Every structure is written in structure tokens, then in C-alpha cells.
N, C-alpha and C. Protein backbone atom coordinates (compact mmCIF):
# COMPACT_ATOMS: atom_id res chain seq x y z
N MET A 1 105.42 140.56 106.43
CA MET A 1 104.04 140.30 106.13
C MET A 1 103.91 139.38 104.91
N LYS A 2 104.72 139.65 103.88
CA LYS A 2 104.66 138.82 102.68
C LYS A 2 105.08 137.39 102.99
N LYS A 3 106.09 137.25 103.86
CA LYS A 3 106.55 135.92 104.24
C LYS A 3 105.44 135.14 104.95
N THR A 4 104.75 135.80 105.83
CA THR A 4 103.67 135.17 106.59
C THR A 4 102.55 134.72 105.65
N LEU A 5 102.19 135.59 104.72
CA LEU A 5 101.15 135.23 103.75
C LEU A 5 101.61 134.08 102.85
N SER A 6 102.87 134.07 102.49
CA SER A 6 103.40 132.99 101.66
C SER A 6 103.33 131.66 102.40
N TYR A 7 103.74 131.68 103.67
CA TYR A 7 103.68 130.45 104.47
C TYR A 7 102.24 129.98 104.65
N LEU A 8 101.35 130.92 104.89
CA LEU A 8 99.94 130.58 105.06
C LEU A 8 99.39 129.96 103.78
N PHE A 9 99.73 130.54 102.64
CA PHE A 9 99.27 130.01 101.36
C PHE A 9 99.80 128.60 101.13
N ILE A 10 101.07 128.38 101.42
CA ILE A 10 101.68 127.06 101.24
C ILE A 10 101.00 126.03 102.15
N ILE A 11 100.77 126.39 103.40
CA ILE A 11 100.12 125.48 104.34
C ILE A 11 98.71 125.15 103.88
N LEU A 12 97.96 126.15 103.43
CA LEU A 12 96.60 125.91 102.94
C LEU A 12 96.61 125.02 101.70
N ALA A 13 97.53 125.27 100.79
CA ALA A 13 97.61 124.47 99.57
C ALA A 13 97.93 123.02 99.90
N LEU A 14 98.87 122.80 100.79
CA LEU A 14 99.21 121.43 101.20
C LEU A 14 98.05 120.75 101.91
N SER A 15 97.35 121.49 102.74
CA SER A 15 96.20 120.93 103.46
C SER A 15 95.13 120.49 102.48
N PHE A 16 94.82 121.31 101.50
CA PHE A 16 93.80 120.94 100.51
C PHE A 16 94.25 119.73 99.69
N THR A 17 95.53 119.67 99.38
CA THR A 17 96.06 118.54 98.61
C THR A 17 95.93 117.26 99.40
N ILE A 18 96.28 117.30 100.66
CA ILE A 18 96.19 116.09 101.50
C ILE A 18 94.74 115.66 101.67
N ILE A 19 93.86 116.60 101.92
CA ILE A 19 92.44 116.28 102.10
C ILE A 19 91.86 115.71 100.82
N ALA A 20 92.21 116.26 99.69
CA ALA A 20 91.68 115.80 98.41
C ALA A 20 92.15 114.39 98.08
N CYS A 21 93.33 114.00 98.53
CA CYS A 21 93.88 112.70 98.19
C CYS A 21 93.44 111.59 99.14
N GLU A 22 92.84 111.94 100.27
CA GLU A 22 92.48 110.92 101.25
C GLU A 22 91.33 110.03 100.78
N LYS A 23 90.32 110.61 100.20
CA LYS A 23 89.13 109.85 99.83
C LYS A 23 89.32 109.20 98.46
N GLN A 24 89.07 107.90 98.41
CA GLN A 24 89.17 107.19 97.14
C GLN A 24 87.82 107.21 96.44
N GLY A 25 87.89 107.31 95.13
CA GLY A 25 86.68 107.25 94.33
C GLY A 25 86.32 105.80 94.04
N LYS A 26 85.18 105.61 93.40
CA LYS A 26 84.70 104.26 93.08
C LYS A 26 85.67 103.53 92.16
N MET A 27 86.23 104.24 91.19
CA MET A 27 87.15 103.59 90.24
C MET A 27 88.42 103.15 90.96
N GLU A 28 88.91 103.96 91.89
CA GLU A 28 90.11 103.59 92.64
C GLU A 28 89.84 102.37 93.51
N GLU A 29 88.65 102.31 94.12
CA GLU A 29 88.29 101.15 94.93
C GLU A 29 88.21 99.90 94.07
N MET A 30 87.58 100.03 92.90
CA MET A 30 87.46 98.88 92.01
C MET A 30 88.83 98.45 91.51
N GLY A 31 89.70 99.39 91.24
CA GLY A 31 91.06 99.06 90.82
C GLY A 31 91.82 98.33 91.91
N GLY A 32 91.65 98.77 93.15
CA GLY A 32 92.30 98.10 94.27
C GLY A 32 91.79 96.69 94.45
N LYS A 33 90.47 96.51 94.29
CA LYS A 33 89.89 95.17 94.40
C LYS A 33 90.38 94.28 93.27
N ALA A 34 90.49 94.84 92.07
CA ALA A 34 90.99 94.06 90.93
C ALA A 34 92.44 93.65 91.17
N ASP A 35 93.24 94.54 91.73
CA ASP A 35 94.63 94.20 92.05
C ASP A 35 94.71 93.05 93.05
N GLU A 36 93.87 93.12 94.08
CA GLU A 36 93.84 92.05 95.09
C GLU A 36 93.43 90.72 94.46
N MET A 37 92.42 90.77 93.59
CA MET A 37 91.96 89.54 92.94
C MET A 37 93.06 88.94 92.08
N MET A 38 93.80 89.78 91.36
CA MET A 38 94.87 89.28 90.51
C MET A 38 96.01 88.69 91.35
N GLU A 39 96.31 89.33 92.47
CA GLU A 39 97.35 88.79 93.36
C GLU A 39 96.92 87.44 93.93
N ASP A 40 95.65 87.34 94.34
CA ASP A 40 95.14 86.07 94.87
C ASP A 40 95.18 84.98 93.80
N ALA A 41 94.80 85.34 92.58
CA ALA A 41 94.82 84.37 91.49
C ALA A 41 96.26 83.92 91.21
N GLY A 42 97.19 84.86 91.24
CA GLY A 42 98.60 84.52 91.03
C GLY A 42 99.12 83.59 92.11
N ASP A 43 98.73 83.86 93.36
CA ASP A 43 99.15 83.00 94.47
C ASP A 43 98.58 81.59 94.30
N LYS A 44 97.32 81.50 93.91
CA LYS A 44 96.69 80.19 93.71
C LYS A 44 97.36 79.43 92.57
N MET A 45 97.73 80.16 91.51
CA MET A 45 98.40 79.50 90.39
C MET A 45 99.77 78.98 90.81
N LYS A 46 100.47 79.73 91.64
CA LYS A 46 101.77 79.27 92.14
C LYS A 46 101.59 78.02 92.98
N ASP A 47 100.57 78.03 93.85
CA ASP A 47 100.30 76.86 94.68
C ASP A 47 99.96 75.64 93.82
N MET A 48 99.13 75.86 92.80
CA MET A 48 98.76 74.75 91.91
C MET A 48 99.98 74.24 91.16
N ASN A 49 100.87 75.14 90.74
CA ASN A 49 102.08 74.76 90.04
C ASN A 49 102.97 73.88 90.93
N GLU A 50 103.12 74.28 92.18
CA GLU A 50 103.92 73.49 93.12
C GLU A 50 103.30 72.11 93.34
N GLU A 51 101.98 72.07 93.48
CA GLU A 51 101.29 70.80 93.68
C GLU A 51 101.45 69.91 92.43
N LEU A 52 101.35 70.51 91.26
CA LEU A 52 101.51 69.76 90.01
C LEU A 52 102.92 69.19 89.90
N LYS A 53 103.91 69.99 90.25
CA LYS A 53 105.30 69.51 90.23
C LYS A 53 105.48 68.33 91.17
N LYS A 54 104.88 68.46 92.36
CA LYS A 54 104.98 67.40 93.36
C LYS A 54 104.34 66.11 92.84
N LYS A 55 103.15 66.23 92.27
CA LYS A 55 102.45 65.05 91.73
C LYS A 55 103.22 64.45 90.56
N ALA A 56 103.78 65.28 89.71
CA ALA A 56 104.54 64.78 88.57
C ALA A 56 105.78 64.03 89.05
N LYS A 57 106.44 64.55 90.07
CA LYS A 57 107.61 63.88 90.62
C LYS A 57 107.22 62.52 91.22
N GLU A 58 106.11 62.50 91.95
CA GLU A 58 105.63 61.24 92.52
C GLU A 58 105.28 60.24 91.44
N ALA A 59 104.64 60.68 90.37
CA ALA A 59 104.29 59.78 89.27
C ALA A 59 105.51 59.26 88.58
N LYS A 60 106.51 60.11 88.39
CA LYS A 60 107.75 59.69 87.74
C LYS A 60 108.45 58.64 88.61
N GLU A 61 108.49 58.87 89.92
CA GLU A 61 109.13 57.90 90.82
C GLU A 61 108.37 56.57 90.81
N ALA A 62 107.05 56.62 90.74
CA ALA A 62 106.25 55.40 90.72
C ALA A 62 106.49 54.60 89.44
N VAL A 63 106.68 55.28 88.32
CA VAL A 63 106.89 54.61 87.04
C VAL A 63 108.30 54.03 86.95
N THR A 64 109.29 54.72 87.50
CA THR A 64 110.68 54.28 87.37
C THR A 64 111.04 53.18 88.36
N LYS A 65 110.20 52.88 89.33
CA LYS A 65 110.51 51.82 90.31
C LYS A 65 110.22 50.47 89.77
């Protein structure tokens, strides 16, 4: 009987933990959006850096010819 009650308690505790963690609050949503924005900004900066390198290489080749 004690084993059964222990298992039932563990299952209930895990169920409540899983249910409580599923829903995100407003701050978590805003944090996720901020993370996405920072990743997008980082990607754009990388793209701009590659384009700048390309343009600098083209300018250098144009000057040295």
C-alpha cells in the first residue's frame, strides 16, 4: 500500500511539474523575442561584414590595377 501511494505521489508531482512548465509567462515570451532579435541582428551584421570585405577587396583590386 505504501509503495502504491508513493508511486501515485511521484506521478502526481511530475504531472504538476510538467503542466506548470508548459505555459510561458509574458517575461519569458519577451525574452524569447529579444533572443530572436539579437540573433537576427547578429546574422545581419555578419552579412554586412562579408559584403564590406567583398567591396574592400574589389576596391583594392581596382586601385592596384
